[in-house]
Amino acid sequence: MHENLLGGPPPVHLPDDPEPRALLAAGKDPAEVAARHPASSLAWAQLADDAFAEGRTIESYAFARTGYHRGLDALRRNGWKGHGPIPFEHEPNRGFLRALHALARAARAIGEEAEYERCTQFLRDSSPTAAETLK
């Protein structure tokens, strides 16, 4: 691990939870995955993405908010203090980052511009790679 010479908090690397990722990759229904693994931000992010693609914006917003809050809980349990890097390059972080992106997208779609701006800035601050990759 590299030392942070700027004095900011170290990057947070969430622990791996491979089962939800494997189930989703195998084509399992994201609703079933979320029901079996309700703490999985990845399952909620997938539900949000699917709902948004189908034009169900309010459902997408609700799924994304659930994934976002589940992710915040996981980040805090793993030493995150409310700011600092959450690298997209670390695959277990991607569920949270995808949920954050989905929340911003749905907020913009329903006209909640302040929430869109807050989430977009949070995503950029947490992971410039995620902000670029997910846009």
N, C-alpha and C. Protein backbone atom coordinates (compact mmCIF):
# COMPACT_ATOMS: atom_id res chain seq x y z
N MET A 1 0.85 -1.18 0.00
CA MET A 1 0.00 0.00 0.00
C MET A 1 0.90 1.24 0.00
N HIS A 2 0.52 2.21 -0.82
CA HIS A 2 1.31 3.43 -0.93
C HIS A 2 0.92 4.42 0.16
N GLU A 3 1.90 5.14 0.65
CA GLU A 3 1.63 6.15 1.67
C GLU A 3 1.02 7.38 1.01
N ASN A 4 -0.01 7.94 1.61
CA ASN A 4 -0.65 9.14 1.12
C ASN A 4 0.16 10.33 1.62
N LEU A 5 0.88 10.99 0.72
CA LEU A 5 1.75 12.10 1.10
C LEU A 5 0.98 13.40 1.30
N LEU A 6 -0.26 13.46 0.88
CA LEU A 6 -1.06 14.66 1.05
C LEU A 6 -1.76 14.72 2.40
N GLY A 7 -1.71 13.66 3.15
CA GLY A 7 -2.27 13.66 4.50
C GLY A 7 -3.76 13.39 4.56
N GLY A 8 -4.40 13.08 3.44
CA GLY A 8 -5.83 12.76 3.45
C GLY A 8 -6.06 11.34 3.93
N PRO A 9 -7.30 10.99 4.07
CA PRO A 9 -7.62 9.62 4.51
C PRO A 9 -7.19 8.60 3.46
N PRO A 10 -6.84 7.42 3.91
CA PRO A 10 -6.46 6.37 2.95
C PRO A 10 -7.69 5.90 2.17
N PRO A 11 -7.48 5.31 1.01
CA PRO A 11 -8.61 4.77 0.25
C PRO A 11 -9.31 3.66 1.03
N VAL A 12 -10.61 3.58 0.87
CA VAL A 12 -11.39 2.53 1.51
C VAL A 12 -11.56 1.39 0.50
N HIS A 13 -11.29 0.20 0.95
CA HIS A 13 -11.46 -1.00 0.14
C HIS A 13 -12.44 -1.91 0.87
N LEU A 14 -13.68 -1.92 0.39
CA LEU A 14 -14.69 -2.76 1.02
C LEU A 14 -14.31 -4.23 0.90
N PRO A 15 -14.69 -5.04 1.88
CA PRO A 15 -14.41 -6.48 1.77
C PRO A 15 -15.20 -7.09 0.62
N ASP A 16 -14.64 -8.12 0.05
CA ASP A 16 -15.30 -8.77 -1.06
C ASP A 16 -16.49 -9.58 -0.58
N ASP A 17 -17.56 -9.53 -1.35
CA ASP A 17 -18.75 -10.34 -1.13
C ASP A 17 -19.09 -10.92 -2.49
N PRO A 18 -18.41 -12.00 -2.88
CA PRO A 18 -18.50 -12.48 -4.27
C PRO A 18 -19.83 -13.11 -4.65
N GLU A 19 -20.61 -13.60 -3.70
CA GLU A 19 -21.83 -14.32 -4.08
C GLU A 19 -22.83 -13.46 -4.85
N PRO A 20 -23.18 -12.25 -4.38
CA PRO A 20 -24.12 -11.44 -5.18
C PRO A 20 -23.58 -11.14 -6.59
N ARG A 21 -22.31 -10.84 -6.68
CA ARG A 21 -21.69 -10.55 -7.98
C ARG A 21 -21.79 -11.76 -8.89
N ALA A 22 -21.52 -12.95 -8.35
CA ALA A 22 -21.58 -14.19 -9.15
C ALA A 22 -23.01 -14.49 -9.58
N LEU A 23 -23.96 -14.29 -8.68
CA LEU A 23 -25.36 -14.54 -9.03
C LEU A 23 -25.83 -13.60 -10.14
N LEU A 24 -25.47 -12.33 -10.03
CA LEU A 24 -25.86 -11.37 -11.07
C LEU A 24 -25.18 -11.70 -12.39
N ALA A 25 -23.91 -12.07 -12.34
CA ALA A 25 -23.17 -12.44 -13.56
C ALA A 25 -23.77 -13.67 -14.23
N ALA A 26 -24.35 -14.54 -13.42
CA ALA A 26 -24.97 -15.76 -13.94
C ALA A 26 -26.39 -15.51 -14.46
N GLY A 27 -26.85 -14.26 -14.39
CA GLY A 27 -28.16 -13.92 -14.92
C GLY A 27 -29.31 -14.05 -13.95
N LYS A 28 -29.02 -14.21 -12.66
CA LYS A 28 -30.10 -14.29 -11.67
C LYS A 28 -30.86 -12.96 -11.62
N ASP A 29 -32.13 -13.05 -11.30
CA ASP A 29 -32.97 -11.87 -11.17
C ASP A 29 -32.41 -10.99 -10.04
N PRO A 30 -32.10 -9.71 -10.34
CA PRO A 30 -31.55 -8.83 -9.31
C PRO A 30 -32.45 -8.70 -8.08
N ALA A 31 -33.77 -8.82 -8.26
CA ALA A 31 -34.68 -8.74 -7.11
C ALA A 31 -34.46 -9.94 -6.19
N GLU A 32 -34.24 -11.10 -6.75
CA GLU A 32 -33.94 -12.28 -5.93
C GLU A 32 -32.60 -12.14 -5.23
N VAL A 33 -31.63 -11.58 -5.95
CA VAL A 33 -30.30 -11.39 -5.34
C VAL A 33 -30.40 -10.39 -4.19
N ALA A 34 -31.13 -9.29 -4.39
CA ALA A 34 -31.29 -8.30 -3.33
C ALA A 34 -32.04 -8.88 -2.14
N ALA A 35 -33.01 -9.75 -2.40
CA ALA A 35 -33.75 -10.38 -1.30
C ALA A 35 -32.86 -11.32 -0.50
N ARG A 36 -31.96 -12.04 -1.18
CA ARG A 36 -31.04 -12.95 -0.49
C ARG A 36 -29.86 -12.22 0.14
N HIS A 37 -29.50 -11.07 -0.44
CA HIS A 37 -28.33 -10.31 0.01
C HIS A 37 -28.72 -8.83 0.11
N PRO A 38 -29.58 -8.48 1.06
CA PRO A 38 -30.08 -7.10 1.12
C PRO A 38 -29.02 -6.05 1.42
N ALA A 39 -27.87 -6.45 1.92
CA ALA A 39 -26.80 -5.49 2.18
C ALA A 39 -25.95 -5.23 0.95
N SER A 40 -26.23 -5.91 -0.15
CA SER A 40 -25.42 -5.77 -1.36
C SER A 40 -25.81 -4.53 -2.16
N SER A 41 -24.96 -3.53 -2.15
CA SER A 41 -25.20 -2.35 -2.98
C SER A 41 -25.25 -2.71 -4.45
N LEU A 42 -24.47 -3.70 -4.83
CA LEU A 42 -24.43 -4.10 -6.23
C LEU A 42 -25.80 -4.58 -6.71
N ALA A 43 -26.49 -5.39 -5.92
CA ALA A 43 -27.81 -5.87 -6.32
C ALA A 43 -28.79 -4.71 -6.46
N TRP A 44 -28.76 -3.78 -5.52
CA TRP A 44 -29.65 -2.62 -5.59
C TRP A 44 -29.30 -1.72 -6.77
N ALA A 45 -28.01 -1.56 -7.05
CA ALA A 45 -27.60 -0.76 -8.20
C ALA A 45 -28.10 -1.39 -9.50
N GLN A 46 -28.03 -2.72 -9.58
CA GLN A 46 -28.53 -3.39 -10.78
C GLN A 46 -30.03 -3.21 -10.93
N LEU A 47 -30.75 -3.31 -9.82
CA LEU A 47 -32.19 -3.04 -9.85
C LEU A 47 -32.47 -1.61 -10.32
N ALA A 48 -31.69 -0.66 -9.83
CA ALA A 48 -31.85 0.74 -10.24
C ALA A 48 -31.58 0.92 -11.73
N ASP A 49 -30.52 0.30 -12.22
CA ASP A 49 -30.19 0.41 -13.64
C ASP A 49 -31.29 -0.20 -14.51
N ASP A 50 -31.76 -1.38 -14.12
CA ASP A 50 -32.81 -2.05 -14.89
C ASP A 50 -34.10 -1.22 -14.91
N ALA A 51 -34.49 -0.70 -13.75
CA ALA A 51 -35.71 0.10 -13.67
C ALA A 51 -35.57 1.36 -14.52
N PHE A 52 -34.43 2.01 -14.46
CA PHE A 52 -34.22 3.23 -15.23
C PHE A 52 -34.31 2.94 -16.73
N ALA A 53 -33.69 1.85 -17.16
CA ALA A 53 -33.71 1.46 -18.57
C ALA A 53 -35.13 1.17 -19.05
N GLU A 54 -35.99 0.76 -18.14
CA GLU A 54 -37.39 0.45 -18.47
C GLU A 54 -38.32 1.64 -18.27
N GLY A 55 -37.75 2.81 -17.94
CA GLY A 55 -38.56 4.01 -17.77
C GLY A 55 -39.25 4.12 -16.43
N ARG A 56 -38.85 3.29 -15.47
CA ARG A 56 -39.46 3.33 -14.13
C ARG A 56 -38.55 4.15 -13.21
N THR A 57 -38.58 5.46 -13.45
CA THR A 57 -37.63 6.38 -12.81
C THR A 57 -37.77 6.42 -11.30
N ILE A 58 -38.98 6.46 -10.81
CA ILE A 58 -39.19 6.53 -9.35
C ILE A 58 -38.68 5.25 -8.68
N GLU A 59 -38.95 4.11 -9.30
CA GLU A 59 -38.43 2.86 -8.75
C GLU A 59 -36.90 2.85 -8.79
N SER A 60 -36.35 3.35 -9.89
CA SER A 60 -34.90 3.43 -10.00
C SER A 60 -34.32 4.27 -8.87
N TYR A 61 -34.96 5.41 -8.61
CA TYR A 61 -34.53 6.29 -7.53
C TYR A 61 -34.56 5.55 -6.18
N ALA A 62 -35.64 4.83 -5.93
CA ALA A 62 -35.77 4.12 -4.65
C ALA A 62 -34.73 3.00 -4.53
N PHE A 63 -34.54 2.23 -5.59
CA PHE A 63 -33.52 1.18 -5.56
C PHE A 63 -32.13 1.78 -5.36
N ALA A 64 -31.84 2.86 -6.08
CA ALA A 64 -30.52 3.49 -5.97
C ALA A 64 -30.28 4.03 -4.56
N ARG A 65 -31.31 4.64 -3.98
CA ARG A 65 -31.16 5.19 -2.62
C ARG A 65 -30.91 4.07 -1.62
N THR A 66 -31.57 2.93 -1.81
CA THR A 66 -31.34 1.79 -0.92
C THR A 66 -29.90 1.31 -1.06
N GLY A 67 -29.43 1.13 -2.29
CA GLY A 67 -28.04 0.70 -2.51
C GLY A 67 -27.04 1.69 -1.97
N TYR A 68 -27.33 2.96 -2.13
CA TYR A 68 -26.46 4.02 -1.62
C TYR A 68 -26.35 3.94 -0.09
N HIS A 69 -27.48 3.80 0.59
CA HIS A 69 -27.44 3.75 2.06
C HIS A 69 -26.81 2.45 2.56
N ARG A 70 -27.06 1.34 1.89
CA ARG A 70 -26.39 0.09 2.27
C ARG A 70 -24.89 0.24 2.11
N GLY A 71 -24.48 0.92 1.04
CA GLY A 71 -23.06 1.16 0.81
C GLY A 71 -22.44 2.08 1.86
N LEU A 72 -23.17 3.14 2.23
CA LEU A 72 -22.66 4.02 3.29
C LEU A 72 -22.45 3.24 4.58
N ASP A 73 -23.39 2.37 4.90
CA ASP A 73 -23.25 1.53 6.11
C ASP A 73 -21.98 0.70 6.02
N ALA A 74 -21.75 0.06 4.87
CA ALA A 74 -20.56 -0.78 4.70
C ALA A 74 -19.29 0.05 4.76
N LEU A 75 -19.29 1.20 4.14
CA LEU A 75 -18.11 2.07 4.18
C LEU A 75 -17.77 2.46 5.62
N ARG A 76 -18.77 2.87 6.37
CA ARG A 76 -18.53 3.28 7.76
C ARG A 76 -18.02 2.12 8.61
N ARG A 77 -18.57 0.92 8.37
CA ARG A 77 -18.08 -0.26 9.11
C ARG A 77 -16.62 -0.56 8.78
N ASN A 78 -16.15 -0.06 7.65
CA ASN A 78 -14.79 -0.34 7.21
C ASN A 78 -13.87 0.87 7.32
N GLY A 79 -14.21 1.79 8.21
CA GLY A 79 -13.31 2.87 8.57
C GLY A 79 -13.47 4.17 7.83
N TRP A 80 -14.41 4.27 6.92
CA TRP A 80 -14.62 5.51 6.18
C TRP A 80 -15.22 6.55 7.11
N LYS A 81 -14.71 7.77 7.07
CA LYS A 81 -15.15 8.83 7.98
C LYS A 81 -15.97 9.92 7.28
N GLY A 82 -16.55 9.60 6.15
CA GLY A 82 -17.40 10.57 5.47
C GLY A 82 -16.74 11.27 4.30
N HIS A 83 -15.47 10.99 4.07
CA HIS A 83 -14.79 11.56 2.91
C HIS A 83 -13.55 10.72 2.63
N GLY A 84 -13.03 10.92 1.46
CA GLY A 84 -11.83 10.20 1.06
C GLY A 84 -12.10 9.26 -0.10
N PRO A 85 -11.03 8.75 -0.67
CA PRO A 85 -11.15 7.93 -1.88
C PRO A 85 -11.85 6.59 -1.65
N ILE A 86 -12.68 6.25 -2.64
CA ILE A 86 -13.37 4.96 -2.68
C ILE A 86 -13.08 4.42 -4.09
N PRO A 87 -11.94 3.79 -4.28
CA PRO A 87 -11.48 3.46 -5.63
C PRO A 87 -12.40 2.50 -6.39
N PHE A 88 -12.77 2.92 -7.61
CA PHE A 88 -13.55 2.08 -8.52
C PHE A 88 -12.74 0.87 -8.95
N GLU A 89 -11.44 1.01 -8.94
CA GLU A 89 -10.56 -0.08 -9.35
C GLU A 89 -10.68 -1.30 -8.43
N HIS A 90 -11.12 -1.09 -7.20
CA HIS A 90 -11.36 -2.18 -6.25
C HIS A 90 -12.79 -2.66 -6.46
N GLU A 91 -12.94 -3.81 -7.07
CA GLU A 91 -14.26 -4.29 -7.51
C GLU A 91 -15.34 -4.28 -6.42
N PRO A 92 -15.06 -4.66 -5.17
CA PRO A 92 -16.12 -4.61 -4.15
C PRO A 92 -16.67 -3.21 -3.88
N ASN A 93 -15.95 -2.16 -4.28
CA ASN A 93 -16.44 -0.78 -4.12
C ASN A 93 -17.46 -0.41 -5.20
N ARG A 94 -17.49 -1.15 -6.28
CA ARG A 94 -18.28 -0.75 -7.45
C ARG A 94 -19.78 -0.73 -7.21
N GLY A 95 -20.28 -1.60 -6.35
CA GLY A 95 -21.72 -1.59 -6.08
C GLY A 95 -22.15 -0.26 -5.50
N PHE A 96 -21.40 0.22 -4.50
CA PHE A 96 -21.73 1.52 -3.91
C PHE A 96 -21.62 2.63 -4.94
N LEU A 97 -20.53 2.64 -5.69
CA LEU A 97 -20.31 3.71 -6.66
C LEU A 97 -21.37 3.68 -7.76
N ARG A 98 -21.78 2.49 -8.18
CA ARG A 98 -22.86 2.39 -9.18
C ARG A 98 -24.18 2.89 -8.60
N ALA A 99 -24.45 2.57 -7.34
CA ALA A 99 -25.69 3.05 -6.70
C ALA A 99 -25.67 4.57 -6.59
N LEU A 100 -24.53 5.14 -6.25
CA LEU A 100 -24.40 6.60 -6.16
C LEU A 100 -24.64 7.24 -7.53
N HIS A 101 -24.06 6.67 -8.56
CA HIS A 101 -24.29 7.17 -9.92
C HIS A 101 -25.77 7.06 -10.29
N ALA A 102 -26.37 5.91 -10.00
CA ALA A 102 -27.79 5.70 -10.33
C ALA A 102 -28.68 6.68 -9.57
N LEU A 103 -28.32 6.99 -8.34
CA LEU A 103 -29.09 7.95 -7.56
C LEU A 103 -29.01 9.34 -8.20
N ALA A 104 -27.82 9.73 -8.62
CA ALA A 104 -27.67 11.02 -9.30
C ALA A 104 -28.50 11.06 -10.57
N ARG A 105 -28.41 10.02 -11.36
CA ARG A 105 -29.13 9.95 -12.64
C ARG A 105 -30.64 10.06 -12.42
N ALA A 106 -31.18 9.29 -11.47
CA ALA A 106 -32.62 9.31 -11.21
C ALA A 106 -33.04 10.65 -10.61
N ALA A 107 -32.21 11.22 -9.74
CA ALA A 107 -32.54 12.52 -9.15
C ALA A 107 -32.67 13.57 -10.25
N ARG A 108 -31.75 13.56 -11.19
CA ARG A 108 -31.83 14.52 -12.30
C ARG A 108 -33.11 14.29 -13.11
N ALA A 109 -33.44 13.03 -13.34
CA ALA A 109 -34.61 12.70 -14.15
C ALA A 109 -35.92 13.17 -13.52
N ILE A 110 -35.96 13.25 -12.20
CA ILE A 110 -37.20 13.71 -11.55
C ILE A 110 -37.12 15.19 -11.16
N GLY A 111 -36.05 15.85 -11.58
CA GLY A 111 -35.95 17.29 -11.34
C GLY A 111 -35.40 17.67 -9.98
N GLU A 112 -34.77 16.73 -9.31
CA GLU A 112 -34.18 17.03 -8.00
C GLU A 112 -32.72 17.44 -8.22
N GLU A 113 -32.55 18.64 -8.74
CA GLU A 113 -31.25 19.11 -9.20
C GLU A 113 -30.21 19.19 -8.08
N ALA A 114 -30.60 19.62 -6.89
CA ALA A 114 -29.64 19.71 -5.79
C ALA A 114 -29.09 18.33 -5.43
N GLU A 115 -29.96 17.33 -5.42
CA GLU A 115 -29.52 15.96 -5.12
C GLU A 115 -28.61 15.45 -6.24
N TYR A 116 -28.97 15.74 -7.47
CA TYR A 116 -28.12 15.36 -8.61
C TYR A 116 -26.73 15.96 -8.46
N GLU A 117 -26.66 17.24 -8.17
CA GLU A 117 -25.35 17.92 -8.02
C GLU A 117 -24.56 17.33 -6.86
N ARG A 118 -25.22 17.10 -5.72
CA ARG A 118 -24.54 16.55 -4.55
C ARG A 118 -23.98 15.17 -4.86
N CYS A 119 -24.79 14.32 -5.45
CA CYS A 119 -24.35 12.95 -5.75
C CYS A 119 -23.26 12.93 -6.82
N THR A 120 -23.39 13.78 -7.83
CA THR A 120 -22.37 13.84 -8.88
C THR A 120 -21.04 14.30 -8.31
N GLN A 121 -21.06 15.30 -7.44
CA GLN A 121 -19.81 15.77 -6.83
C GLN A 121 -19.23 14.70 -5.90
N PHE A 122 -20.08 14.03 -5.15
CA PHE A 122 -19.64 12.96 -4.25
C PHE A 122 -18.96 11.86 -5.06
N LEU A 123 -19.55 11.49 -6.20
CA LEU A 123 -18.96 10.46 -7.04
C LEU A 123 -17.60 10.91 -7.57
N ARG A 124 -17.51 12.13 -8.05
CA ARG A 124 -16.22 12.65 -8.55
C ARG A 124 -15.17 12.68 -7.44
N ASP A 125 -15.57 13.12 -6.25
CA ASP A 125 -14.63 13.21 -5.13
C ASP A 125 -14.20 11.82 -4.66
N SER A 126 -15.10 10.86 -4.73
CA SER A 126 -14.80 9.50 -4.25
C SER A 126 -13.95 8.72 -5.23
N SER A 127 -14.27 8.87 -6.51
CA SER A 127 -13.56 8.10 -7.53
C SER A 127 -13.70 8.77 -8.89
N PRO A 128 -12.70 9.54 -9.30
CA PRO A 128 -12.74 10.12 -10.65
C PRO A 128 -12.91 9.05 -11.73
N THR A 129 -12.33 7.88 -11.50
CA THR A 129 -12.48 6.79 -12.46
C THR A 129 -13.94 6.37 -12.58
N ALA A 130 -14.62 6.22 -11.46
CA ALA A 130 -16.04 5.85 -11.49
C ALA A 130 -16.86 6.93 -12.19
N ALA A 131 -16.59 8.19 -11.87
CA ALA A 131 -17.34 9.28 -12.50
C ALA A 131 -17.18 9.23 -14.01
N GLU A 132 -16.00 8.97 -14.48
CA GLU A 132 -15.74 8.90 -15.93
C GLU A 132 -16.33 7.62 -16.54
N THR A 133 -16.15 6.50 -15.88
CA THR A 133 -16.60 5.22 -16.41
C THR A 133 -18.11 5.11 -16.46
N LEU A 134 -18.79 5.60 -15.45
CA LEU A 134 -20.23 5.41 -15.33
C LEU A 134 -21.07 6.45 -16.05
N LYS A 135 -20.45 7.53 -16.52
CA LYS A 135 -21.26 8.59 -17.15
C LYS A 135 -21.87 8.18 -18.46
